[in-house]
């Protein structure tokens, strides 16, 4: 898909100016609009990199999580907890990975109602290759150096703490 032509002005800055004129200064409006646009840009860029592997970024994240686990497998509930997504989303994501041969599912012997998801050898190979490609394009953040990426991470941390993602200090 071709990139759209660049505008001759920053539409978010223009919206901020018009907002200020109509309702007064609200810096959080410009900030959230910028964050949402950045999300669109980054998701599009990383999805384009993982698409040749039959992945979306959400599926890639699930594979990475499984590679980080000690045994290469986790309960579905733990995957949802760690990725901070609804159980239905986890089921859809893992089922797609199973269909692709990247993950296997089996009953959890420690929980009669639960299911374990396990990364396959093919899943590890795909995860490693996709990771190399994503790292080569700096996960879409090539406009920033390492220090700026650390600043972005630090700036967004209080938002995540306030949302209840984790307790501060952990």
Protein backbone atom coordinates (compact mmCIF):
# COMPACT_ATOMS: atom_id res chain seq x y z
CA UNK A 1 0.00 0.00 0.00
CA UNK A 2 1.55 3.34 -1.02
CA UNK A 3 2.18 5.94 1.65
CA UNK A 4 -0.22 8.90 1.55
CA UNK A 5 1.23 12.23 0.48
CA UNK A 6 2.60 14.30 3.34
CA UNK A 7 0.58 17.32 4.35
CA UNK A 8 2.13 20.76 4.20
CA UNK A 9 1.25 21.26 7.88
CA UNK A 10 0.99 19.24 11.10
CA UNK A 11 -2.73 18.37 11.41
CA UNK A 12 -2.39 17.58 15.12
CA UNK A 13 -0.78 20.96 15.81
CA UNK A 14 -3.54 22.60 13.73
CA UNK A 15 -6.22 20.75 15.71
CA UNK A 16 -4.52 21.84 18.94
CA UNK A 17 -4.58 25.46 17.80
CA UNK A 18 -8.25 25.28 16.83
CA UNK A 19 -9.07 23.52 20.09
CA UNK A 20 -7.31 26.27 22.02
CA UNK A 21 -9.31 28.94 20.18
CA UNK A 22 -12.63 27.20 20.82
CA UNK A 23 -12.28 25.60 24.26
CA UNK A 24 -9.00 26.82 25.70
CA UNK A 25 -5.61 25.15 26.06
CA UNK A 26 -5.76 21.43 26.81
CA UNK A 27 -2.26 20.01 26.21
CA UNK A 28 -3.48 16.48 26.95
CA UNK A 29 -5.61 16.57 23.76
CA UNK A 30 -2.56 17.16 21.56
CA UNK A 31 -0.60 14.57 23.50
CA UNK A 32 -3.19 11.82 23.19
CA UNK A 33 -3.78 12.55 19.52
CA UNK A 34 -0.02 12.29 18.92
CA UNK A 35 0.19 9.04 20.90
CA UNK A 36 -2.75 7.53 18.99
CA UNK A 37 -1.21 8.51 15.64
CA UNK A 38 2.16 7.12 16.72
CA UNK A 39 0.38 3.86 17.65
CA UNK A 40 -1.14 3.67 14.15
CA UNK A 41 2.22 4.33 12.50
CA UNK A 42 4.16 1.85 14.63
CA UNK A 43 1.57 -0.91 14.40
CA UNK A 44 1.46 -0.55 10.63
CA UNK A 45 5.26 -0.69 10.36
CA UNK A 46 5.79 -3.67 12.66
CA UNK A 47 2.83 -5.58 11.22
CA UNK A 48 4.34 -5.13 7.74
CA UNK A 49 7.59 -6.71 8.99
CA UNK A 50 5.94 -9.71 10.68
CA UNK A 51 3.29 -10.31 8.00
CA UNK A 52 5.61 -12.40 5.77
CA UNK A 53 5.89 -14.80 8.73
CA UNK A 54 2.10 -15.13 8.94
CA UNK A 55 2.06 -13.04 12.10
CA UNK A 56 0.52 -9.90 13.48
CA UNK A 57 2.34 -8.02 16.23
CA UNK A 58 -0.07 -9.54 18.78
CA UNK A 59 0.82 -13.07 17.62
CA UNK A 60 4.50 -12.15 17.63
CA UNK A 61 4.21 -10.94 21.24
CA UNK A 62 2.62 -14.25 22.25
CA UNK A 63 5.47 -16.19 20.61
CA UNK A 64 8.06 -14.03 22.38
CA UNK A 65 6.31 -14.58 25.70
CA UNK A 66 6.41 -18.34 25.18
CA UNK A 67 10.11 -18.23 24.26
CA UNK A 68 10.78 -16.33 27.50
CA UNK A 69 9.03 -18.96 29.63
CA UNK A 70 11.27 -21.60 31.25
CA UNK A 71 9.59 -24.60 29.61
CA UNK A 72 8.40 -22.85 26.45
CA UNK A 73 4.81 -23.15 27.57
CA UNK A 74 2.34 -21.21 29.67
CA UNK A 75 -1.28 -21.51 30.75
CA UNK A 76 -3.61 -19.51 28.51
CA UNK A 77 -4.68 -17.45 31.55
CA UNK A 78 -1.05 -16.49 32.24
CA UNK A 79 -0.58 -15.41 28.60
CA UNK A 80 -3.59 -13.10 28.90
CA UNK A 81 -2.32 -11.72 32.19
CA UNK A 82 1.19 -11.03 30.87
CA UNK A 83 0.02 -9.56 27.56
CA UNK A 84 -2.77 -7.68 29.35
CA UNK A 85 -5.49 -8.84 26.96
CA UNK A 86 -8.96 -10.38 27.34
CA UNK A 87 -9.17 -14.20 27.46
CA UNK A 88 -11.07 -14.21 24.15
CA UNK A 89 -8.19 -12.36 22.49
CA UNK A 90 -5.70 -14.89 23.88
CA UNK A 91 -7.78 -17.77 22.56
CA UNK A 92 -8.02 -16.20 19.09
CA UNK A 93 -4.30 -15.39 19.01
CA UNK A 94 -3.16 -18.82 20.19
CA UNK A 95 -5.63 -20.63 17.91
CA UNK A 96 -4.16 -18.77 14.92
CA UNK A 97 -0.66 -19.74 16.04
CA UNK A 98 -1.76 -23.37 16.43
CA UNK A 99 -3.27 -23.32 12.94
CA UNK A 100 0.09 -22.06 11.61
CA UNK A 101 2.01 -24.83 13.42
CA UNK A 102 3.86 -22.32 15.62
CA UNK A 103 2.18 -23.29 18.90
CA UNK A 104 0.59 -26.45 20.29
CA UNK A 105 -2.15 -26.67 22.92
CA UNK A 106 -2.79 -29.36 25.53
CA UNK A 107 -4.77 -29.71 28.75
CA UNK A 108 -2.99 -28.28 31.78
CA UNK A 109 -2.17 -31.21 34.10
CA UNK A 110 -2.13 -28.81 37.08
CA UNK A 111 -5.56 -27.32 36.30
CA UNK A 112 -8.31 -29.59 35.00
CA UNK A 113 -10.11 -26.70 33.30
CA UNK A 114 -7.03 -24.93 31.92
CA UNK A 115 -5.04 -25.21 28.73
CA UNK A 116 -1.31 -24.90 28.15
CA UNK A 117 0.10 -23.28 25.03
CA UNK A 118 3.57 -24.47 23.95
CA UNK A 119 5.83 -22.99 21.31
CA UNK A 120 6.93 -25.45 18.63
CA UNK A 121 10.36 -25.67 17.02
CA UNK A 122 8.88 -23.98 13.94
CA UNK A 123 7.48 -21.29 16.26
CA UNK A 124 10.93 -20.65 17.72
CA UNK A 125 12.45 -20.36 14.23
CA UNK A 126 9.76 -17.92 13.09
CA UNK A 127 10.05 -15.91 16.30
CA UNK A 128 13.83 -15.64 15.94
CA UNK A 129 13.61 -14.58 12.28
CA UNK A 130 10.85 -12.01 12.94
CA UNK A 131 12.82 -10.67 15.91
CA UNK A 132 15.91 -10.18 13.74
CA UNK A 133 13.82 -8.24 11.21
CA UNK A 134 12.13 -6.11 13.87
CA UNK A 135 15.44 -5.31 15.54
CA UNK A 136 16.91 -4.35 12.16
CA UNK A 137 14.21 -1.69 11.80
CA UNK A 138 14.42 -0.63 15.48
CA UNK A 139 10.81 -1.70 16.00
CA UNK A 140 9.79 1.36 13.99
CA UNK A 141 11.52 3.75 16.39
CA UNK A 142 14.59 4.51 14.27
CA UNK A 143 13.86 8.24 14.54
CA UNK A 144 14.98 8.02 18.19
CA UNK A 145 18.30 7.09 19.76
CA UNK A 146 18.65 4.70 22.71
CA UNK A 147 18.43 7.48 25.28
CA UNK A 148 15.26 8.90 23.73
CA UNK A 149 13.68 5.43 23.65
CA UNK A 150 14.46 5.09 27.36
CA UNK A 151 12.86 8.51 27.95
CA UNK A 152 9.71 7.46 26.09
CA UNK A 153 9.56 4.29 28.20
CA UNK A 154 9.98 6.32 31.40
CA UNK A 155 7.42 8.92 30.37
CA UNK A 156 4.75 6.29 29.69
CA UNK A 157 5.43 4.28 32.86
CA UNK A 158 3.26 6.44 35.20
CA UNK A 159 0.33 6.05 32.80
CA UNK A 160 0.71 2.26 32.95
CA UNK A 161 1.02 2.30 36.75
CA UNK A 162 -2.11 4.46 37.06
CA UNK A 163 -3.97 2.07 34.75
CA UNK A 164 -3.09 -0.77 37.15
CA UNK A 165 -0.78 -2.68 34.81
CA UNK A 166 1.59 -3.25 37.73
CA UNK A 167 2.54 -1.82 41.11
CA UNK A 168 5.18 0.89 40.99
CA UNK A 169 8.53 -0.35 42.23
CA UNK A 170 8.10 -3.78 40.60
